[in-house]
């Protein structure tokens, strides 16, 4: 292999860096044996979560009635109901919600109070979307297909549309057109974060210049999965991996130039290991 090109935007976005810095500060400065938790994985990257676990940061999958220690709200945010439950547990709360996600929550809260119904272009099972739906107070729905839009009641008078922060631009634009044809007066907010947009544009460009693309990041990471999807749509042979151990030299023996990008929850040290291994082929 002659060359490995790494996307400039690969790795932690500012929201994830902010969350990690918050957790690391608490871990490094605590002077006692108090517990540190994240409610759900802090980010969607198993290797990063495992690293935090080795440093004493455990993941709470369920909310106990009583919690002794510090609990971080993960980057995806929490619904108001879950926040209230966390307060009642007695835990010390540190909010690591991505500010871009916080903006979406604020828009939804504002428009629901003005009598709007909310449509989120996003995956209803994703923790970010579940949290946003909590702010919709029962007046929200998540959609990802034309069929789901067709099923929406026609008599909705006021409609507000937002996007999951890591949504594909094409998907949002396509579904917004369908929503507007059904609800012409809908208020539209493209809340896809700038980091996501930048990565998607960069992978479109890079995928056209290389023989193959390697996308590094958690299989449970929505934004990483979308990067791999975009790369394949461009026509590039694409490998979505979590670690360098998944790279097989035989898969790359006929390639001269390989591109590397990574999701916003992928640590730099993982990217560096992937690049080092590719360069050794």
Protein backbone atom coordinates (compact mmCIF):
# COMPACT_ATOMS: atom_id res chain seq x y z
CA UNK A 1 0.00 0.00 0.00
CA UNK A 2 1.36 3.39 -1.00
CA UNK A 3 -0.78 5.74 1.02
CA UNK A 4 -3.28 6.02 3.88
CA UNK A 5 -5.36 9.20 3.91
CA UNK A 6 -7.07 10.10 7.20
CA UNK A 7 -10.11 12.39 7.14
CA UNK A 8 -9.44 15.66 8.98
CA UNK A 9 -12.72 15.38 10.88
CA UNK A 10 -12.15 11.81 12.11
CA UNK A 11 -12.46 11.24 15.85
CA UNK A 12 -14.11 12.90 18.82
CA UNK A 13 -16.41 15.81 18.07
CA UNK A 14 -16.38 18.73 20.51
CA UNK A 15 -19.46 17.46 22.35
CA UNK A 16 -17.89 14.07 23.02
CA UNK A 17 -14.54 15.67 23.99
CA UNK A 18 -16.41 17.90 26.42
CA UNK A 19 -18.17 14.90 27.99
CA UNK A 20 -14.96 12.89 28.28
CA UNK A 21 -13.10 15.82 29.82
CA UNK A 22 -15.85 16.19 32.43
CA UNK A 23 -15.64 12.52 33.42
CA UNK A 24 -11.83 12.46 33.46
CA UNK A 25 -11.71 15.57 35.65
CA UNK A 26 -13.95 13.93 38.26
CA UNK A 27 -12.01 10.64 38.14
CA UNK A 28 -8.63 12.35 38.52
CA UNK A 29 -9.62 14.79 41.27
CA UNK A 30 -11.79 12.65 43.54
CA UNK A 31 -10.09 12.09 46.89
CA UNK A 32 -12.19 9.27 48.28
CA UNK A 33 -13.66 5.94 47.21
CA UNK A 34 -16.94 7.48 46.02
CA UNK A 35 -18.59 5.84 43.05
CA UNK A 36 -18.71 7.36 39.57
CA UNK A 37 -21.33 6.21 37.08
CA UNK A 38 -22.72 7.07 33.68
CA UNK A 39 -26.43 6.48 33.10
CA UNK A 40 -26.16 4.34 30.01
CA UNK A 41 -22.89 4.33 28.03
CA UNK A 42 -21.39 7.84 27.97
CA UNK A 43 -20.89 7.48 24.19
CA UNK A 44 -21.49 4.73 21.63
CA UNK A 45 -17.99 3.30 21.55
CA UNK A 46 -17.40 0.02 23.43
CA UNK A 47 -13.63 0.44 23.66
CA UNK A 48 -13.87 3.95 25.14
CA UNK A 49 -16.55 2.79 27.60
CA UNK A 50 -14.34 -0.15 28.60
CA UNK A 51 -11.42 2.22 29.18
CA UNK A 52 -13.58 4.32 31.51
CA UNK A 53 -14.69 1.17 33.33
CA UNK A 54 -11.05 0.27 33.97
CA UNK A 55 -10.69 3.72 35.56
CA UNK A 56 -13.61 3.04 37.89
CA UNK A 57 -16.49 4.55 35.91
CA UNK A 58 -19.36 2.06 35.83
CA UNK A 59 -22.41 2.10 33.56
CA UNK A 60 -25.90 2.11 35.08
CA UNK A 61 -28.30 0.31 32.76
CA UNK A 62 -31.21 0.83 35.14
CA UNK A 63 -32.00 3.60 37.60
CA UNK A 64 -31.78 2.40 41.25
CA UNK A 65 -33.98 4.15 43.80
CA UNK A 66 -30.91 5.18 45.79
CA UNK A 67 -27.53 6.05 44.31
CA UNK A 68 -24.44 6.88 46.33
CA UNK A 69 -21.95 8.74 44.17
CA UNK A 70 -21.75 10.82 41.01
CA UNK A 71 -23.84 10.05 37.93
CA UNK A 72 -23.06 11.53 34.52
CA UNK A 73 -25.89 12.17 32.09
CA UNK A 74 -24.49 10.85 28.82
CA UNK A 75 -24.01 12.85 25.63
CA UNK A 76 -27.38 11.71 24.25
CA UNK A 77 -29.26 13.42 27.09
CA UNK A 78 -32.12 12.31 29.32
CA UNK A 79 -35.85 12.88 29.26
CA UNK A 80 -37.30 15.22 31.95
CA UNK A 81 -38.88 12.22 33.69
CA UNK A 82 -35.56 10.39 33.89
CA UNK A 83 -33.82 13.54 35.14
CA UNK A 84 -36.38 13.85 37.92
CA UNK A 85 -35.91 10.20 38.83
CA UNK A 86 -32.15 10.74 38.96
CA UNK A 87 -32.58 13.73 41.27
CA UNK A 88 -34.72 11.67 43.66
CA UNK A 89 -32.05 8.94 43.82
CA UNK A 90 -29.79 11.23 45.84
CA UNK A 91 -26.95 11.04 43.31
CA UNK A 92 -24.69 13.96 42.56
CA UNK A 93 -25.54 14.78 38.93
CA UNK A 94 -23.06 15.91 36.28
CA UNK A 95 -24.66 16.78 32.95
CA UNK A 96 -22.59 15.71 29.94
CA UNK A 97 -25.42 16.13 27.43
CA UNK A 98 -24.05 17.38 24.11
CA UNK A 99 -24.99 21.08 23.83
CA UNK A 100 -26.22 20.46 20.27
CA UNK A 101 -28.65 17.88 21.65
CA UNK A 102 -29.64 20.35 24.36
CA UNK A 103 -30.62 22.85 21.63
CA UNK A 104 -32.95 20.27 20.06
CA UNK A 105 -34.53 19.58 23.45
CA UNK A 106 -35.05 23.31 23.93
CA UNK A 107 -36.76 23.73 20.54
CA UNK A 108 -39.09 20.81 21.24
CA UNK A 109 -39.99 22.07 24.72
CA UNK A 110 -40.69 25.59 23.38
CA UNK A 111 -42.94 24.47 20.53
CA UNK A 112 -44.85 21.88 22.54
CA UNK A 113 -45.74 24.64 25.00
CA UNK A 114 -47.00 26.68 22.03
CA UNK A 115 -49.37 23.86 21.13
CA UNK A 116 -47.32 22.15 18.42
CA UNK A 117 -46.95 18.45 17.66
CA UNK A 118 -43.34 17.37 17.12
CA UNK A 119 -41.95 15.16 14.36
CA UNK A 120 -38.38 13.96 14.87
CA UNK A 121 -36.56 12.65 11.81
CA UNK A 122 -34.64 9.96 13.62
CA UNK A 123 -34.53 6.46 15.07
CA UNK A 124 -37.14 6.07 17.81
CA UNK A 125 -34.94 3.48 19.58
CA UNK A 126 -31.88 5.75 19.78
CA UNK A 127 -31.29 7.18 23.29
CA UNK A 128 -31.00 10.75 21.96
CA UNK A 129 -34.39 10.49 20.25
CA UNK A 130 -35.99 8.82 23.28
CA UNK A 131 -34.82 11.72 25.42
CA UNK A 132 -36.13 14.31 22.93
CA UNK A 133 -39.49 12.52 22.81
CA UNK A 134 -39.65 12.99 26.58
CA UNK A 135 -39.57 16.76 26.04
CA UNK A 136 -42.47 16.42 23.58
CA UNK A 137 -44.75 15.44 26.49
CA UNK A 138 -46.68 12.83 24.52
CA UNK A 139 -47.04 15.03 21.43
CA UNK A 140 -44.02 13.70 19.57
CA UNK A 141 -43.26 10.95 17.08
CA UNK A 142 -40.05 9.77 15.39
CA UNK A 143 -40.08 8.90 11.69
CA UNK A 144 -37.54 7.39 9.30
CA UNK A 145 -39.63 6.43 6.28
CA UNK A 146 -42.35 7.65 3.94
CA UNK A 147 -44.69 4.97 5.29
CA UNK A 148 -44.35 6.35 8.82
CA UNK A 149 -45.17 9.83 7.53
CA UNK A 150 -48.22 8.51 5.66
CA UNK A 151 -49.55 7.08 8.92
CA UNK A 152 -49.46 10.47 10.69
CA UNK A 153 -52.90 12.00 11.34
CA UNK A 154 -53.83 14.57 8.69
CA UNK A 155 -55.58 16.84 11.17
CA UNK A 156 -52.44 18.06 12.97
CA UNK A 157 -52.76 21.84 12.86
CA UNK A 158 -49.37 22.84 14.24
CA UNK A 159 -46.29 20.79 13.40
CA UNK A 160 -42.65 21.29 14.38
CA UNK A 161 -39.95 19.18 12.71
CA UNK A 162 -36.46 18.53 14.10
CA UNK A 163 -33.69 16.07 13.23
CA UNK A 164 -31.72 13.60 15.30
CA UNK A 165 -28.36 15.37 15.57
CA UNK A 166 -26.50 12.58 13.71
CA UNK A 167 -29.04 12.12 10.91
CA UNK A 168 -28.03 11.88 7.24
CA UNK A 169 -28.64 15.16 5.45
CA UNK A 170 -30.23 13.39 2.45
CA UNK A 171 -32.64 11.48 4.66
CA UNK A 172 -33.70 14.63 6.49
CA UNK A 173 -34.20 16.62 3.28
CA UNK A 174 -36.16 13.80 1.61
CA UNK A 175 -38.49 13.26 4.56
CA UNK A 176 -38.96 16.99 5.16
CA UNK A 177 -40.32 17.35 1.62
CA UNK A 178 -42.88 14.63 2.35
CA UNK A 179 -43.80 16.21 5.68
CA UNK A 180 -44.23 19.65 4.07
CA UNK A 181 -46.48 18.21 1.37
CA UNK A 182 -48.71 16.82 4.13
CA UNK A 183 -48.34 19.74 6.57
CA UNK A 184 -47.52 22.85 4.47
CA UNK A 185 -47.30 25.15 7.50
CA UNK A 186 -44.86 22.94 9.41
CA UNK A 187 -42.00 24.70 11.20
CA UNK A 188 -38.75 23.04 10.04
CA UNK A 189 -35.51 23.00 12.04
CA UNK A 190 -32.47 21.25 10.58
CA UNK A 191 -30.82 20.29 13.86
CA UNK A 192 -28.18 17.97 12.38
CA UNK A 193 -25.01 19.09 14.13
CA UNK A 194 -22.24 20.78 12.14
CA UNK A 195 -19.77 18.03 13.08
CA UNK A 196 -22.03 15.38 11.51
CA UNK A 197 -22.51 17.46 8.35
CA UNK A 198 -18.75 18.05 8.03
CA UNK A 199 -17.92 14.34 8.39
CA UNK A 200 -20.56 13.31 5.88
CA UNK A 201 -19.34 15.83 3.29
CA UNK A 202 -15.74 14.78 3.84
CA UNK A 203 -16.44 11.06 3.45
CA UNK A 204 -18.30 11.75 0.20
CA UNK A 205 -15.24 13.51 -1.16
CA UNK A 206 -12.64 11.09 0.20
CA UNK A 207 -14.48 7.95 -0.91
CA UNK A 208 -14.15 9.09 -4.54
CA UNK A 209 -10.36 9.44 -4.29
CA UNK A 210 -9.35 6.10 -2.74
CA UNK A 211 -9.41 2.39 -3.58
CA UNK A 212 -11.16 1.52 -0.31
CA UNK A 213 -12.50 3.19 2.84
CA UNK A 214 -12.07 2.12 6.46
CA UNK A 215 -14.65 3.57 8.85
CA UNK A 216 -13.66 3.23 12.51
CA UNK A 217 -16.23 3.28 15.29
CA UNK A 218 -18.75 1.39 17.39
CA UNK A 219 -21.24 -0.80 15.59
CA UNK A 220 -23.83 0.78 17.92
CA UNK A 221 -22.85 4.29 16.84
CA UNK A 222 -25.49 5.91 14.61
CA UNK A 223 -23.19 8.54 13.12
CA UNK A 224 -20.44 5.99 12.38
CA UNK A 225 -22.88 3.62 10.70
CA UNK A 226 -24.15 6.46 8.52
CA UNK A 227 -20.58 7.32 7.44
CA UNK A 228 -20.09 3.72 6.29
CA UNK A 229 -23.45 3.83 4.53
CA UNK A 230 -22.56 7.05 2.67
CA UNK A 231 -19.19 5.62 1.65
CA UNK A 232 -20.88 2.53 0.18
CA UNK A 233 -23.44 4.69 -1.61
CA UNK A 234 -20.57 6.55 -3.28
CA UNK A 235 -19.38 3.18 -4.56
CA UNK A 236 -16.26 2.71 -2.42
CA UNK A 237 -15.41 -0.70 -1.01
CA UNK A 238 -16.00 0.03 2.67
CA UNK A 239 -14.88 -1.70 5.86
CA UNK A 240 -16.66 -0.67 9.09
CA UNK A 241 -14.51 -1.82 12.01
CA UNK A 242 -14.24 -1.15 15.74
CA UNK A 243 -10.54 -1.98 16.19
CA UNK A 244 -7.40 -2.60 14.14
CA UNK A 245 -7.62 -6.32 14.96
CA UNK A 246 -10.41 -6.68 12.41
CA UNK A 247 -8.15 -5.62 9.53
CA UNK A 248 -7.01 -8.47 7.27
CA UNK A 249 -3.89 -7.81 5.13
CA UNK A 250 -5.33 -9.94 2.31
CA UNK A 251 -8.28 -7.56 1.98
CA UNK A 252 -5.94 -4.67 1.15
CA UNK A 253 -3.17 -6.30 -0.92
CA UNK A 254 -4.44 -4.88 -4.22
CA UNK A 255 -5.03 -1.32 -3.01
CA UNK A 256 -2.67 1.62 -3.44
CA UNK A 257 -4.61 4.27 -1.52
CA UNK A 258 -6.93 3.68 1.44
CA UNK A 259 -9.02 6.31 3.19
CA UNK A 260 -9.77 6.31 6.91
CA UNK A 261 -12.54 8.14 8.72
CA UNK A 262 -14.16 7.67 12.10
CA UNK A 263 -17.32 8.51 13.99
CA UNK A 264 -17.61 11.33 16.49
CA UNK A 265 -17.39 8.87 19.41
CA UNK A 266 -14.18 7.17 18.23
CA UNK A 267 -11.07 7.95 20.34
CA UNK A 268 -7.94 9.14 18.54
CA UNK A 269 -5.89 6.28 19.94
CA UNK A 270 -8.13 3.78 18.13
CA UNK A 271 -7.74 5.68 14.85
CA UNK A 272 -3.96 5.79 15.28
CA UNK A 273 -3.82 2.01 15.81
CA UNK A 274 -5.86 1.44 12.64
CA UNK A 275 -3.61 3.74 10.59
CA UNK A 276 -0.48 2.09 11.97
CA UNK A 277 -1.72 -1.37 11.05
CA UNK A 278 -2.85 -0.31 7.57
CA UNK A 279 0.54 1.32 6.97
CA UNK A 280 2.26 -1.93 7.87
CA UNK A 281 0.56 -3.87 5.08
